[in-house]
Protein backbone atom coordinates (compact mmCIF):
# COMPACT_ATOMS: atom_id res chain seq x y z
CA MET A 1 0.00 0.00 0.00
CA GLU A 2 2.85 2.18 0.74
CA ASP A 3 4.13 1.66 -2.77
CA ASN A 4 0.76 2.70 -4.24
CA SER A 5 0.67 5.95 -2.32
CA ARG A 6 4.20 6.63 -3.35
CA MET A 7 3.26 6.05 -7.00
CA ASN A 8 0.32 8.38 -6.70
CA ILE A 9 2.53 11.12 -5.30
CA GLU A 10 5.09 10.61 -8.07
CA ASN A 11 2.32 10.63 -10.69
CA GLN A 12 0.92 13.83 -9.28
CA GLU A 13 4.30 15.51 -9.55
CA LYS A 14 4.69 14.35 -13.13
CA THR A 15 1.16 15.14 -14.14
CA PRO A 16 1.13 18.64 -15.51
CA GLY A 17 -1.15 21.05 -13.77
CA PRO A 18 -2.28 24.40 -15.06
CA GLN A 19 0.51 25.79 -17.24
CA ARG A 20 1.97 29.19 -16.49
CA LYS A 21 2.65 31.48 -19.44
CA GLN A 22 6.28 32.31 -20.03
CA ARG A 23 7.19 35.90 -19.41
CA GLY A 24 9.97 37.91 -21.04
CA PHE A 25 11.97 37.37 -24.16
CA THR A 26 14.22 34.58 -25.22
CA LEU A 27 17.86 35.30 -25.84
CA ILE A 28 17.39 34.78 -29.57
CA GLU A 29 14.54 37.29 -29.71
CA LEU A 30 16.66 39.80 -27.84
CA MET A 31 19.64 39.26 -30.16
CA ILE A 32 17.42 39.75 -33.23
CA VAL A 33 16.19 43.08 -31.83
CA VAL A 34 19.76 44.17 -31.05
CA ALA A 35 20.86 43.26 -34.60
CA ILE A 36 17.98 45.23 -36.14
CA VAL A 37 18.75 48.28 -33.99
CA ALA A 38 22.45 48.05 -34.94
CA ILE A 39 21.61 47.91 -38.65
CA LEU A 40 19.27 50.90 -38.37
CA ALA A 41 21.86 52.87 -36.40
CA SER A 42 24.58 52.13 -38.96
CA VAL A 43 22.36 53.60 -41.67
CA ALA A 44 20.91 56.51 -39.68
CA PHE A 45 24.04 57.81 -37.93
CA PRO A 46 26.01 58.79 -41.06
CA SER A 47 22.91 60.52 -42.40
CA TYR A 48 22.56 62.38 -39.12
CA GLN A 49 26.22 63.45 -39.22
CA ALA A 50 25.82 64.74 -42.78
CA SER A 51 22.78 66.73 -41.71
CA VAL A 52 24.66 68.28 -38.78
CA LYS A 53 27.59 69.23 -41.05
CA LYS A 54 25.19 70.83 -43.51
CA SER A 55 23.59 72.83 -40.70
CA ARG A 56 26.98 74.07 -39.49
CA ARG A 57 27.88 74.98 -43.08
CA GLY A 58 24.70 77.07 -43.17
CA ASP A 59 25.84 78.88 -40.02
CA ALA A 60 29.15 79.68 -41.72
CA GLN A 61 27.38 80.91 -44.85
CA GLY A 62 25.28 83.26 -42.73
CA ALA A 63 28.41 84.49 -40.96
CA LEU A 64 30.10 85.18 -44.32
CA VAL A 65 27.12 87.27 -45.46
CA ALA A 66 27.26 89.28 -42.21
CA PHE A 67 31.04 89.58 -42.66
CA ALA A 68 30.46 90.97 -46.18
CA ALA A 69 28.11 93.58 -44.69
CA ALA A 70 30.89 94.58 -42.28
CA MET A 71 33.29 94.87 -45.24
CA GLU A 72 30.80 97.15 -47.00
CA ARG A 73 30.58 99.36 -43.88
CA HIS A 74 34.39 99.46 -43.80
CA PHE A 75 34.40 100.49 -47.48
CA THR A 76 31.82 103.21 -46.80
CA GLU A 77 33.98 104.66 -44.02
CA ARG A 78 37.36 104.39 -45.81
CA SER A 79 36.60 104.13 -49.54
CA THR A 80 38.67 100.93 -49.67
CA TYR A 81 38.44 97.32 -48.54
CA GLU A 82 42.08 97.38 -47.50
CA GLY A 83 43.05 97.45 -43.84
CA ALA A 84 40.10 95.43 -42.54
CA ALA A 85 42.26 92.62 -41.13
CA THR A 86 43.98 92.52 -37.75
CA GLY A 87 46.61 95.23 -37.38
CA GLY A 88 45.38 97.08 -40.47
CA ALA A 89 46.55 94.31 -42.79
CA ASN A 90 44.73 93.36 -45.98
CA THR A 91 44.56 89.61 -45.31
CA GLY A 92 44.16 87.32 -42.32
CA ALA A 93 41.84 87.40 -39.36
CA PRO A 94 39.37 90.28 -39.52
CA ASP A 95 39.63 93.27 -37.24
CA ILE A 96 36.16 94.50 -38.16
CA PHE A 97 34.26 91.24 -37.56
CA ALA A 98 34.34 88.02 -35.55
CA SER A 99 37.08 85.60 -36.54
CA GLU A 100 35.06 82.40 -35.95
CA ALA A 101 31.65 81.00 -36.82
CA PRO A 102 28.97 80.41 -35.75
CA LEU A 103 28.65 83.90 -34.34
CA ASP A 104 26.72 82.92 -31.21
CA GLY A 105 28.30 81.37 -28.12
CA ARG A 106 28.29 77.78 -29.33
CA ASP A 107 31.35 75.75 -30.29
CA LYS A 108 33.21 77.24 -33.23
CA PHE A 109 33.50 75.17 -36.40
CA TYR A 110 34.87 77.70 -38.91
CA ASP A 111 37.65 80.28 -38.98
CA LEU A 112 36.73 83.47 -40.84
CA THR A 113 39.48 85.25 -42.76
CA ILE A 114 40.04 87.88 -45.42
CA GLU A 115 41.82 86.01 -48.22
CA ALA A 116 42.31 89.05 -50.44
CA ALA A 117 41.42 92.73 -50.25
CA SER A 118 42.15 95.65 -52.50
CA GLY A 119 40.69 99.06 -53.02
CA ALA A 120 37.72 97.67 -54.94
CA THR A 121 37.41 93.92 -54.23
CA TYR A 122 37.66 91.33 -51.47
CA THR A 123 37.46 87.58 -50.92
CA LEU A 124 36.22 86.26 -47.59
CA ARG A 125 36.77 82.66 -46.51
CA ALA A 126 35.32 80.33 -43.89
CA THR A 127 37.71 77.43 -43.24
CA PRO A 128 36.26 74.42 -41.39
CA LYS A 129 37.95 73.18 -38.23
CA ASN A 130 37.49 70.67 -35.42
CA ILE A 131 34.79 68.12 -36.19
CA GLN A 132 33.78 70.09 -39.29
CA ALA A 133 37.26 69.70 -40.84
CA GLY A 134 37.19 67.98 -44.19
CA ASP A 135 34.03 69.76 -45.32
CA GLY A 136 35.84 72.19 -47.64
CA PHE A 137 36.17 75.94 -47.31
CA LEU A 138 33.48 78.48 -48.26
CA GLU A 139 34.19 81.77 -50.00
CA LEU A 140 32.21 84.93 -50.61
CA LEU A 141 33.54 87.47 -53.10
CA SER A 142 32.77 91.18 -53.30
CA THR A 143 30.98 90.45 -56.59
CA GLY A 144 28.50 88.29 -54.69
CA ALA A 145 29.94 85.03 -56.03
CA ARG A 146 29.64 82.19 -53.53
CA ARG A 147 32.00 79.25 -53.76
CA TRP A 148 32.40 75.99 -51.83
CA ASP A 149 35.34 73.60 -52.12
CA GLU A 150 32.97 70.65 -51.92
CA ASN A 151 35.58 67.96 -52.61
CA ASN A 152 38.00 69.50 -50.06
CA ASP A 153 41.00 69.66 -52.40
CA ASN A 154 41.86 73.27 -51.42
CA ALA A 155 40.87 74.60 -54.84
CA ILE A 156 37.64 75.78 -56.41
CA GLY A 157 37.04 73.50 -59.38
CA ALA A 158 34.28 72.93 -61.89
CA GLY A 159 30.89 72.58 -60.24
CA GLU A 160 32.05 74.23 -57.03
CA SER A 161 31.03 77.75 -57.93
CA ASP A 162 27.98 77.92 -55.68
CA TRP A 163 26.93 77.16 -52.11
CA LYS A 164 24.61 74.22 -51.81
C-alpha cells in the first residue's frame, strides 16, 4: 500500500497542472532586436552626421554674409576694402568682424578670414575646423559670387562655384 501511495505522489508531480505562461523574451529574440537596432543605427548615424555638417555649413554661410556687410561698412567709411584685417593688414583674421563662426556662443566650427582685399574687391573665406574639418572651405567674393570647395582639395574646381 505504501508503494501505491508513493506512485500516486510521483504521478501527481509528473502530471502537468495548469501551465503558467512564459514571461519575457528569449535570448534569440533579444539578439534579433539588437541586430535590427544596430543595422538601423549604422544607416541613420552617417545621415545624421551629414545633416549636422550641412547645418553648421549654413551657419558659416550666414556668418560670411554678415562679414560681407561689415566689409561694406568698412568700405563706406574708408573708400577701400584694404586694412580690414587685424593690425590694419589686408589679409588674415578680420579686425572689423568676428574671426570664428557660428557667431553665437556655441562651439566654433569655422575660422573666418580675409583672403584678399584691394581698393575695390575682397574675398572672404570660412575654413572648417574641429569636427567640421574635411568639409571644404566656403568663399564669398565682393561680386556676390559664392564658392564651396565641396571635394575639399583646397581649390575651387568645376561645379564648385555655388553654395549648396
